[in-house]
Every structure is written in structure tokens, then in C-alpha cells.
């Protein structure tokens, strides 16, 4: 065999690894805020990626869910109406508080191979405006609003999931996007060493 013939040259790196977390998005009603949930299914229950120490256990009784956080176990009653991808979800707490959500369509499988730092559209809609001064090469702070999508006559703010430099901005106002469409790519900023300067003292009057 030729050089390197014994190495596996298959496209294994592009496969979706079984360990990759699942991703679902829900819109809180009536506020319209979109919440993304990354989770893994384990033998102990469902573990949210963004909330370490939290485990969700479905009860044998349909509609009952136990959530354990920092050793405290709480019970919630969940009712789901409609098709899975656009279902209406109602959550009642033991204290009598109720929450309503709408499940958004699942992200395309291709999202799993998207470059790190990619920001994908959480729902289909139209880009109505960009944050002032936003352009490729700009530094953005974590949580800073980047753009606004209009969907179902409501505006949804899309914020930076991390701090860094905006290296791609393939959308502009008026662009229609589907769920999972690439909105922006944010890469880590190069660490800079700033030497703080003492503030100038105002001359005495």
C-alpha cells in the first residue's frame, strides 16, 4: 500500500456524534421571548446543557415532570396541545403559577456541523433592522442585541450568545430567513493587554 494507506480517510468528522446535545426552541407567550434548550438524555433523566446540576425526570403519569436543582425536587404539570413542532405547551407549578410556550420548528440537522460561534435564526421571519453601527469586524459584547426579526407581527430581538468579533453578517434589513438560517458568526476576540491610563485631573478653578 501507498503512504498513509492504513489511515482511515472517511468523513467521520462530519457525522453527528451521539453525544451532541439535542436542541429545541420555545417561545414564551405572550412576551414572545425565544428560549433555546440544549439537553442530553441520560439514564437519570434529561440534563439541560446550560444548567449544570439540573435534572428533569418524566413521571410514569403522563403530564407530570420532576425537576431537581441543587438537591431540591419540584413537580410540574405539563400539558401539550397540537403537533410536536408547533405545539402549545402549558406548565403549571405546584405554587399555582402557569406558563405558556409555543414549540418552534426543530433546527435543520445541518446546524450540527455549523462553524462554532454561528448564530442561527430561532424562527422564520424578516430581518427588520440591525443594531446601530453593526458591521463585520465590530466587537460585540455577550448579550448585546444584534438584530431584530419580525415574525407573526411580533419583533424578536436576537442577541450575541458570546462576546467576540463579528466576522460574518450575511443578512440585511428586509431579508427573509428560514429557521436555522445563518444570521452572524462571532469569533473570540484576540486578547489585548490594555495599560490603564490615569484619568486626567481637572485643573483647579
Foldseek 3Di string as FASTA:
>chain_A
DDPPPPDDPDPVVPDQDLPFWFKWWKAWPPVRAIDIWTWDQDPQAIGTPVQPQWHKHQDPPPQWIWIAHPRDIFIKGWDWDDDPQFIWIWIAGPVGDIIIITIHHGAPPVLSVDDPQWDWAQAWFFWAAAPPPDDAFDWDAAQAFGTWGADPNDIYTDTRNHTAGWHDAPDHGGDTDHGGHTGTGGDHHDDDDDDDDDDDDDDDD
